[in-house]
Every structure is written in C-alpha cells, then in structure tokens.
Amino acid sequence: MRRSSERILTTHAGSLPRPENLTELFVRRARGESIDADTIAAAGLAAVRAIVPRQAEAGVDIGNNGEQQHDSFFLYLKERLTGLGGSWQRPSRADVERYPEFKKRWIQQTSSAARVSPNEGLPTIVGAVRYIDAAAIEKECRDFAGVLKEHPNVFVQSFMNAPSPGIVAAAIKNQYYDSGLKYLEALGDALRIEYETIVRSGFVLQIDAPDLALERHISYKDEPLSKFLEFVEQVVAVINRALKGIPSDRVRLHVCWGNSESPHDSDVPLADILPIIQQANVGALYLPFAGPRHAHCGFDTSAGWGRVAPDVVWAKLRTLRDGARLASAKLF
C-alpha cells in the first residue's frame, strides 16, 4: 500500500457517477425487466473506460473502476449468492424519524423510480449462503486491468471495492440461520472469494463497511449501545477470518455513517467504535470527516442514487487535489 511519503496522495471512497444509459439499464433490471446480460456488460466496460481517465484528470492518485459494473455497492451480490428469496423493507434511519417534515421530503426524494434502491424490496436469506461462481469478479478484475493498460501510469496505485459481510447481513435479512453470527460467518466465507480475487489480481482491496457505524442508527437504533458494539466485534472478527492469508498492507477498510444529506445527529461517536475497528487486520482505515457532517462519502452508491451532480463530483475531487497540493507544499 502506497503511503504519502513525498506528497499527500489523494483517493476517494469508490462509487463514482454512472452514465445515464448504464443507470437506466440497472434500474430497468431492478424493476424486473429482462435485460440482455451482454448489453449491460458492454455498457459497464465502456463506463470503466471513461471513468479511469476522468479520475486522473481530476487529480486522483489512488483510483478504482468507479464501481461502474455494479448496480449498487452491495446489491450486485444478488447475482452472485445462493439462498436469496422473498423481500422485506429495511428500517428507516433514526436521524430521519426524529424530524417528521424532513422525513416526508426524504421519502419523496428517495422513492424515485429512476434509481436502484438500497432500502426497498430487498431480498431475504431463505437458504444456505454460498458464492456461486468467481467468473464475474474475475472478469471485473481483468476489465479494470485492461483499462489500466490502456492508460499506463494513470494512478500511483489502484484499488477495487467489495462489501463487508456486516452491511450485507444488515440489508439482506436472515430468515435461515439460527444466529446472526452464523449468518455473518457464511457471508464472510462467500465474500472471501471476492477479497482474494481482487488482491490476487494486483489491486488493493477496499472493504466497504458502513455497517460498523451506520447500523447504530438503523438496525440498532432501539437497542443499547452494547448490543451494537457486540455486532461490530462480530463483523470485525468475521472480516479478519475472511482475510486470512491476505497481507494486511493490501487491504483498506472504509467505515462511514452513511453518505445521505440527513441530520446525522444520531451517529455513534467514533470513540465508541474505534477500539474495535482498529482490531481489523488491514493496512489503512478510510474514515470520512472532511465535509460538513461528513456528507457525500460515496457519490453514487446505488445506480441513480447520487444526488451530487457529476460536474460537482469532479469539482469536489479537483478541490481535494488542490488541497493536497497546498498541504504537501507545507509538509514536505
């Protein structure tokens, strides 16, 4: 893992704006329409080809494929895991429930049919969880490596994203395993395939684990803090188990409180979770604090979900680059 030894290196959380045609395909598929797999694959690869140089132009040093080939940072696993069936409605956030007028607007804003929802119509687990086939993640790695060859030295280092077993467990309800821990362990065993494939392909692995903070004000909003911290401990233990044999300096862990434009006044304090998170066998932690109430950690976490216009996304990244240059001039 590259460090900022000569200047401050810039990076981002992972999800970047998808082109409209790709978003439309993902949304139509999420609605249940039959969409040709080759059509989506071609649009996804074209999006990766476009997003890599855009990152470099904005001054990103450590970039990725923008998660362009995923309809969501975790829901893409619906195509890759066994045991899914049924549906359920994910609980709302505590910081939304506290404000009835805001909640009304929130529902209006987040119920658009032109997006892949990470909250509504989610599947449940009704059978044993297994990873079906590594072909899809292997292809994504080959695609990204191929695009990087078209743009030699475009990044100082490159990374790819995969979700934490905890965020999958929180969003895809368990109706099969007799304990939450057994469910987490099954997910960890399945996700190990993605983790190992990404690292074996030469990329830094970023594990996206908003669950380690976010779930305090969703799944555990009515529970004592101790219950949530027990969940965090279990998730970190399962992540460590899934990372066995992977060098820690090839992994970074992204933890956040959600990238929504909401009050964020129910967030768990970092001091409560940091001692546990630091037990993860990773080389770096990625924690969002730069913006007001750490907004916009990911720019398009599910297709069509991002409310930051693409031109503002790239302006934000250019500003990140400019700030790094100013700080580097003082520090080095």
Protein backbone atom coordinates (compact mmCIF):
# COMPACT_ATOMS: atom_id res chain seq x y z
CA MET A 1 0.00 0.00 0.00
CA ARG A 2 1.45 3.33 -1.06
CA ARG A 3 1.94 5.95 1.63
CA SER A 4 2.17 9.71 1.36
CA SER A 5 5.92 9.77 1.86
CA GLU A 6 6.81 12.54 -0.61
CA ARG A 7 3.46 14.28 -1.03
CA ILE A 8 -0.11 13.76 0.10
CA LEU A 9 -1.79 11.21 -2.16
CA THR A 10 -5.48 11.60 -2.96
CA THR A 11 -8.13 8.91 -3.22
CA HIS A 12 -11.88 8.50 -2.79
CA ALA A 13 -14.41 6.08 -1.33
CA GLY A 14 -15.17 4.19 -4.52
CA SER A 15 -18.54 4.88 -6.13
CA LEU A 16 -18.50 7.44 -8.94
CA PRO A 17 -21.33 8.68 -11.19
CA ARG A 18 -22.52 6.13 -13.71
CA PRO A 19 -23.52 7.24 -17.21
CA GLU A 20 -27.23 7.65 -17.81
CA ASN A 21 -27.53 4.74 -20.22
CA LEU A 22 -25.93 2.32 -17.73
CA THR A 23 -28.05 3.61 -14.86
CA GLU A 24 -31.18 3.11 -16.96
CA LEU A 25 -30.22 -0.49 -17.68
CA PHE A 26 -29.59 -1.22 -13.99
CA VAL A 27 -32.88 0.41 -12.96
CA ARG A 28 -34.87 -1.49 -15.57
CA ARG A 29 -33.31 -4.76 -14.44
CA ALA A 30 -34.09 -3.92 -10.80
CA ARG A 31 -37.74 -3.39 -11.80
CA GLY A 32 -37.83 -6.93 -13.11
CA GLU A 33 -37.41 -6.27 -16.82
CA SER A 34 -35.43 -8.78 -18.84
CA ILE A 35 -32.22 -7.02 -19.86
CA ASP A 36 -29.64 -8.70 -22.06
CA ALA A 37 -26.57 -9.50 -19.94
CA ASP A 38 -24.17 -8.73 -22.80
CA THR A 39 -25.74 -5.28 -23.21
CA ILE A 40 -25.16 -4.44 -19.54
CA ALA A 41 -21.64 -5.89 -19.67
CA ALA A 42 -20.71 -3.77 -22.69
CA ALA A 43 -22.13 -0.61 -21.12
CA GLY A 44 -20.32 -1.35 -17.86
CA LEU A 45 -16.96 -1.81 -19.54
CA ALA A 46 -17.45 1.37 -21.57
CA ALA A 47 -18.18 3.20 -18.32
CA VAL A 48 -14.96 1.89 -16.74
CA ARG A 49 -13.00 3.05 -19.79
CA ALA A 50 -14.47 6.53 -19.36
CA ILE A 51 -14.14 6.80 -15.58
CA VAL A 52 -10.45 5.92 -15.26
CA PRO A 53 -9.02 8.91 -17.17
CA ARG A 54 -11.63 11.21 -15.60
CA GLN A 55 -10.21 10.39 -12.18
CA ALA A 56 -6.67 11.12 -13.33
CA GLU A 57 -7.77 14.43 -14.86
CA ALA A 58 -9.30 15.39 -11.51
CA GLY A 59 -6.02 14.63 -9.72
CA VAL A 60 -6.87 11.30 -8.09
CA ASP A 61 -3.69 9.38 -7.27
CA ILE A 62 -5.18 6.12 -5.99
CA GLY A 63 -8.18 5.32 -8.17
CA ASN A 64 -10.52 2.48 -9.00
CA ASN A 65 -13.04 1.37 -11.60
CA GLY A 66 -15.69 3.64 -10.08
CA GLU A 67 -17.82 0.59 -9.28
CA GLN A 68 -19.35 1.14 -12.70
CA GLN A 69 -20.15 -2.53 -13.28
CA HIS A 70 -22.17 -2.79 -10.03
CA ASP A 71 -25.74 -1.54 -9.70
CA SER A 72 -25.02 -0.94 -6.00
CA PHE A 73 -22.02 -1.23 -3.74
CA PHE A 74 -23.52 -4.39 -2.23
CA LEU A 75 -26.76 -5.30 -4.03
CA TYR A 76 -24.83 -6.64 -7.02
CA LEU A 77 -24.28 -9.72 -4.84
CA LYS A 78 -27.88 -10.72 -5.56
CA GLU A 79 -26.48 -12.15 -8.79
CA ARG A 80 -23.65 -13.99 -7.03
CA LEU A 81 -25.02 -15.58 -3.86
CA THR A 82 -27.28 -18.56 -3.25
CA GLY A 83 -30.00 -18.64 -0.63
CA LEU A 84 -31.90 -15.47 -1.56
CA GLY A 85 -35.69 -15.22 -1.71
CA GLY A 86 -38.64 -13.16 -0.57
CA SER A 87 -38.41 -9.47 0.24
CA TRP A 88 -38.55 -7.05 3.15
CA GLN A 89 -38.42 -3.35 3.97
CA ARG A 90 -35.27 -2.08 5.64
CA PRO A 91 -35.87 0.06 8.79
CA SER A 92 -35.58 3.81 8.44
CA ARG A 93 -32.80 5.85 9.98
CA ALA A 94 -33.07 7.30 13.46
CA ASP A 95 -32.00 10.73 12.24
CA VAL A 96 -34.87 10.68 9.72
CA GLU A 97 -37.51 9.51 12.20
CA ARG A 98 -36.72 12.41 14.54
CA TYR A 99 -37.93 15.02 12.03
CA PRO A 100 -41.42 14.42 10.52
CA GLU A 101 -41.20 17.24 7.97
CA PHE A 102 -37.78 16.12 6.86
CA LYS A 103 -38.97 12.50 6.74
CA LYS A 104 -41.75 13.45 4.31
CA ARG A 105 -39.27 15.09 1.97
CA TRP A 106 -36.80 12.24 2.45
CA ILE A 107 -39.38 9.70 1.30
CA GLN A 108 -40.20 11.82 -1.73
CA GLN A 109 -36.53 12.17 -2.63
CA THR A 110 -35.57 8.52 -2.12
CA SER A 111 -38.59 6.85 -3.72
CA SER A 112 -37.76 7.82 -7.29
CA ALA A 113 -38.36 5.01 -9.78
CA ALA A 114 -35.20 6.05 -11.63
CA ARG A 115 -32.82 4.52 -9.11
CA VAL A 116 -31.77 1.21 -7.61
CA SER A 117 -32.98 1.39 -4.01
CA PRO A 118 -30.74 0.07 -1.22
CA ASN A 119 -33.72 0.11 1.17
CA GLU A 120 -36.87 -1.13 -0.58
CA GLY A 121 -37.71 -4.54 -1.99
CA LEU A 122 -34.57 -6.10 -0.58
CA PRO A 123 -34.24 -9.89 -0.62
CA THR A 124 -34.01 -12.10 2.43
CA ILE A 125 -31.94 -15.20 3.11
CA VAL A 126 -34.06 -18.34 2.95
CA GLY A 127 -31.33 -20.91 2.32
CA ALA A 128 -27.62 -21.58 2.72
CA VAL A 129 -25.38 -18.75 1.50
CA ARG A 130 -22.67 -19.71 -0.96
CA TYR A 131 -20.74 -17.80 -3.60
CA ILE A 132 -21.95 -19.16 -6.93
CA ASP A 133 -19.01 -18.57 -9.24
CA ALA A 134 -15.88 -16.42 -9.30
CA ALA A 135 -16.22 -15.72 -13.03
CA ALA A 136 -17.92 -12.34 -12.58
CA ILE A 137 -15.39 -10.85 -10.16
CA GLU A 138 -12.53 -12.31 -12.20
CA LYS A 139 -13.91 -10.59 -15.30
CA GLU A 140 -14.22 -7.27 -13.46
CA CYS A 141 -10.59 -7.53 -12.40
CA ARG A 142 -9.50 -8.36 -15.96
CA ASP A 143 -11.56 -5.48 -17.34
CA PHE A 144 -10.05 -2.98 -14.93
CA ALA A 145 -6.53 -4.28 -15.54
CA GLY A 146 -7.12 -4.00 -19.28
CA VAL A 147 -8.29 -0.39 -19.00
CA LEU A 148 -5.26 0.45 -16.85
CA LYS A 149 -3.01 -0.95 -19.58
CA GLU A 150 -4.67 1.49 -21.99
CA HIS A 151 -3.67 4.29 -19.59
CA PRO A 152 -0.22 3.39 -18.26
CA ASN A 153 0.81 5.09 -15.02
CA VAL A 154 -2.60 6.75 -14.70
CA PHE A 155 -2.63 6.02 -10.95
CA VAL A 156 0.05 5.70 -8.30
CA GLN A 157 -1.92 2.67 -7.13
CA SER A 158 -5.32 1.18 -7.89
CA PHE A 159 -7.98 -0.43 -5.72
CA MET A 160 -11.25 -2.31 -6.05
CA ASN A 161 -14.22 -2.44 -3.69
CA ALA A 162 -16.11 -5.27 -2.05
CA PRO A 163 -18.68 -5.03 0.75
CA SER A 164 -18.32 -6.03 4.37
CA PRO A 165 -20.28 -9.10 5.42
CA GLY A 166 -21.90 -6.84 8.01
CA ILE A 167 -23.60 -4.48 5.56
CA VAL A 168 -24.91 -7.45 3.59
CA ALA A 169 -26.23 -9.06 6.78
CA ALA A 170 -27.92 -5.81 7.82
CA ALA A 171 -29.59 -5.18 4.47
CA ILE A 172 -30.46 -8.75 3.43
CA LYS A 173 -32.47 -10.11 6.34
CA ASN A 174 -31.62 -13.52 7.77
CA GLN A 175 -34.53 -15.97 7.75
CA TYR A 176 -32.47 -19.15 7.60
CA TYR A 177 -29.56 -19.26 10.05
CA ASP A 178 -30.27 -19.82 13.74
CA SER A 179 -27.95 -17.00 14.80
CA GLY A 180 -26.71 -13.72 13.43
CA LEU A 181 -23.12 -14.85 13.90
CA LYS A 182 -23.59 -17.97 11.77
CA TYR A 183 -25.11 -15.81 9.05
CA LEU A 184 -22.18 -13.39 9.22
CA GLU A 185 -19.70 -16.25 9.02
CA ALA A 186 -21.43 -17.70 5.97
CA LEU A 187 -21.29 -14.31 4.27
CA GLY A 188 -17.63 -13.91 5.22
CA ASP A 189 -16.80 -17.29 3.70
CA ALA A 190 -18.61 -16.31 0.50
CA LEU A 191 -17.04 -12.86 0.26
CA ARG A 192 -13.58 -14.29 0.83
CA ILE A 193 -13.66 -15.29 -2.85
CA GLU A 194 -14.04 -11.67 -3.94
CA TYR A 195 -11.45 -10.45 -1.45
CA GLU A 196 -8.85 -12.98 -2.58
CA THR A 197 -9.55 -12.46 -6.28
CA ILE A 198 -9.12 -8.68 -6.04
CA VAL A 199 -5.81 -8.95 -4.19
CA ARG A 200 -4.55 -11.80 -6.39
CA SER A 201 -5.27 -9.59 -9.42
CA GLY A 202 -2.86 -6.98 -8.12
CA PHE A 203 -5.25 -4.44 -6.65
CA VAL A 204 -5.59 -3.07 -3.15
CA LEU A 205 -8.84 -4.34 -1.65
CA GLN A 206 -11.17 -1.80 -0.08
CA ILE A 207 -13.78 -3.39 2.17
CA ASP A 208 -16.79 -1.10 2.39
CA ALA A 209 -18.15 -1.40 5.92
CA PRO A 210 -20.63 1.39 6.60
CA ASP A 211 -22.31 -1.13 8.91
CA LEU A 212 -19.60 -0.57 11.53
CA ALA A 213 -21.05 2.91 12.15
CA LEU A 214 -24.24 3.29 10.11
CA GLU A 215 -26.14 0.40 11.66
CA ARG A 216 -26.14 2.07 15.07
CA HIS A 217 -28.89 4.38 13.81
CA ILE A 218 -30.68 1.81 11.63
CA SER A 219 -30.67 -1.82 12.79
CA TYR A 220 -29.69 -0.96 16.36
CA LYS A 221 -31.46 2.37 16.81
CA ASP A 222 -33.73 0.93 19.54
CA GLU A 223 -31.03 -1.20 21.19
CA PRO A 224 -28.47 -0.28 23.85
CA LEU A 225 -25.02 0.69 22.60
CA SER A 226 -23.59 -2.56 23.97
CA LYS A 227 -25.68 -4.59 21.50
CA PHE A 228 -24.38 -2.58 18.58
CA LEU A 229 -20.78 -2.88 19.76
CA GLU A 230 -21.24 -6.65 20.02
CA PHE A 231 -22.31 -6.61 16.35
CA VAL A 232 -19.24 -4.54 15.42
CA GLU A 233 -16.98 -7.01 17.22
CA GLN A 234 -18.55 -9.92 15.38
CA VAL A 235 -18.20 -8.24 11.99
CA VAL A 236 -14.54 -7.37 12.55
CA ALA A 237 -13.83 -10.95 13.65
CA VAL A 238 -15.54 -12.31 10.52
CA ILE A 239 -13.64 -9.86 8.29
CA ASN A 240 -10.36 -11.00 9.84
CA ARG A 241 -11.32 -14.61 9.23
CA ALA A 242 -12.15 -13.84 5.59
CA LEU A 243 -8.82 -12.02 5.16
CA LYS A 244 -6.73 -14.91 6.47
CA GLY A 245 -3.68 -15.26 4.24
CA ILE A 246 -4.10 -11.81 2.66
CA PRO A 247 -1.33 -9.36 3.65
CA SER A 248 -2.79 -6.52 5.71
CA ASP A 249 -0.98 -3.93 3.60
CA ARG A 250 -3.12 -4.99 0.62
CA VAL A 251 -6.38 -4.05 2.37
CA ARG A 252 -8.02 -0.83 3.47
CA LEU A 253 -11.24 -0.65 5.47
CA HIS A 254 -13.84 2.01 4.72
CA VAL A 255 -16.15 2.84 7.64
CA CYS A 256 -18.82 5.54 7.47
CA TRP A 257 -22.09 6.78 8.93
CA GLY A 258 -23.92 6.93 5.63
CA ASN A 259 -23.48 9.46 2.82
CA SER A 260 -27.00 10.85 2.99
CA GLU A 261 -27.92 14.51 3.26
CA SER A 262 -29.63 13.96 6.60
CA PRO A 263 -29.14 15.46 10.09
CA HIS A 264 -26.55 12.86 11.23
CA ASP A 265 -27.38 13.74 14.82
CA SER A 266 -27.86 10.09 15.80
CA ASP A 267 -24.41 8.96 14.68
CA VAL A 268 -22.40 6.76 17.02
CA PRO A 269 -19.27 8.61 18.22
CA LEU A 270 -16.03 7.42 16.67
CA ALA A 271 -14.58 6.95 20.16
CA ASP A 272 -17.13 4.18 20.82
CA ILE A 273 -16.24 2.09 17.78
CA LEU A 274 -12.60 2.91 17.01
CA PRO A 275 -11.02 0.49 19.55
CA ILE A 276 -12.89 -2.37 17.89
CA ILE A 277 -12.31 -1.24 14.30
CA GLN A 278 -8.59 -1.00 14.99
CA GLN A 279 -8.57 -4.76 15.58
CA ALA A 280 -9.20 -5.34 11.86
CA ASN A 281 -6.19 -6.84 10.07
CA VAL A 282 -5.94 -4.08 7.49
CA GLY A 283 -3.26 -1.65 6.46
CA ALA A 284 -5.37 1.50 6.47
CA LEU A 285 -8.68 2.91 7.66
CA TYR A 286 -10.75 5.18 5.43
CA LEU A 287 -12.95 7.43 7.57
CA PRO A 288 -14.93 10.40 6.16
CA PHE A 289 -14.71 13.61 8.13
CA ALA A 290 -13.80 16.34 5.64
CA GLY A 291 -17.24 17.65 4.71
CA PRO A 292 -19.97 19.15 6.90
CA ARG A 293 -21.48 16.20 8.78
CA HIS A 294 -19.24 14.02 6.57
CA ALA A 295 -21.65 14.17 3.64
CA HIS A 296 -21.18 12.52 0.24
CA CYS A 297 -18.79 9.74 1.18
CA GLY A 298 -19.76 7.86 -1.97
CA PHE A 299 -21.13 9.71 -4.98
CA ASP A 300 -23.39 7.03 -6.49
CA THR A 301 -23.53 4.11 -4.07
CA SER A 302 -26.52 2.65 -5.96
CA ALA A 303 -27.29 3.41 -9.59
CA GLY A 304 -29.21 6.68 -9.78
CA TRP A 305 -28.93 7.26 -6.01
CA GLY A 306 -26.32 10.01 -6.07
CA ARG A 307 -27.78 13.47 -5.61
CA VAL A 308 -24.47 15.15 -6.36
CA ALA A 309 -24.42 16.23 -10.00
CA PRO A 310 -21.48 14.75 -11.93
CA ASP A 311 -19.88 18.12 -12.62
CA VAL A 312 -19.92 18.84 -8.88
CA VAL A 313 -18.42 15.40 -8.17
CA TRP A 314 -15.42 16.16 -10.35
CA ALA A 315 -15.14 19.67 -8.90
CA LYS A 316 -15.01 18.17 -5.41
CA LEU A 317 -12.24 15.78 -6.45
CA ARG A 318 -10.27 18.61 -8.07
CA THR A 319 -10.61 20.56 -4.84
CA LEU A 320 -9.29 17.52 -2.96
CA ARG A 321 -6.29 17.52 -5.29
CA ASP A 322 -5.71 21.25 -4.82
CA GLY A 323 -5.90 20.94 -1.04
CA ALA A 324 -3.41 18.07 -1.09
CA ARG A 325 -1.00 20.16 -3.13
CA LEU A 326 -1.24 23.06 -0.70
CA ALA A 327 -0.69 20.82 2.30
CA SER A 328 2.15 18.93 0.60
CA ALA A 329 3.99 22.19 -0.09
CA LYS A 330 3.94 22.93 3.64
CA LEU A 331 4.67 19.44 4.92
CA PHE A 332 7.33 18.15 2.53
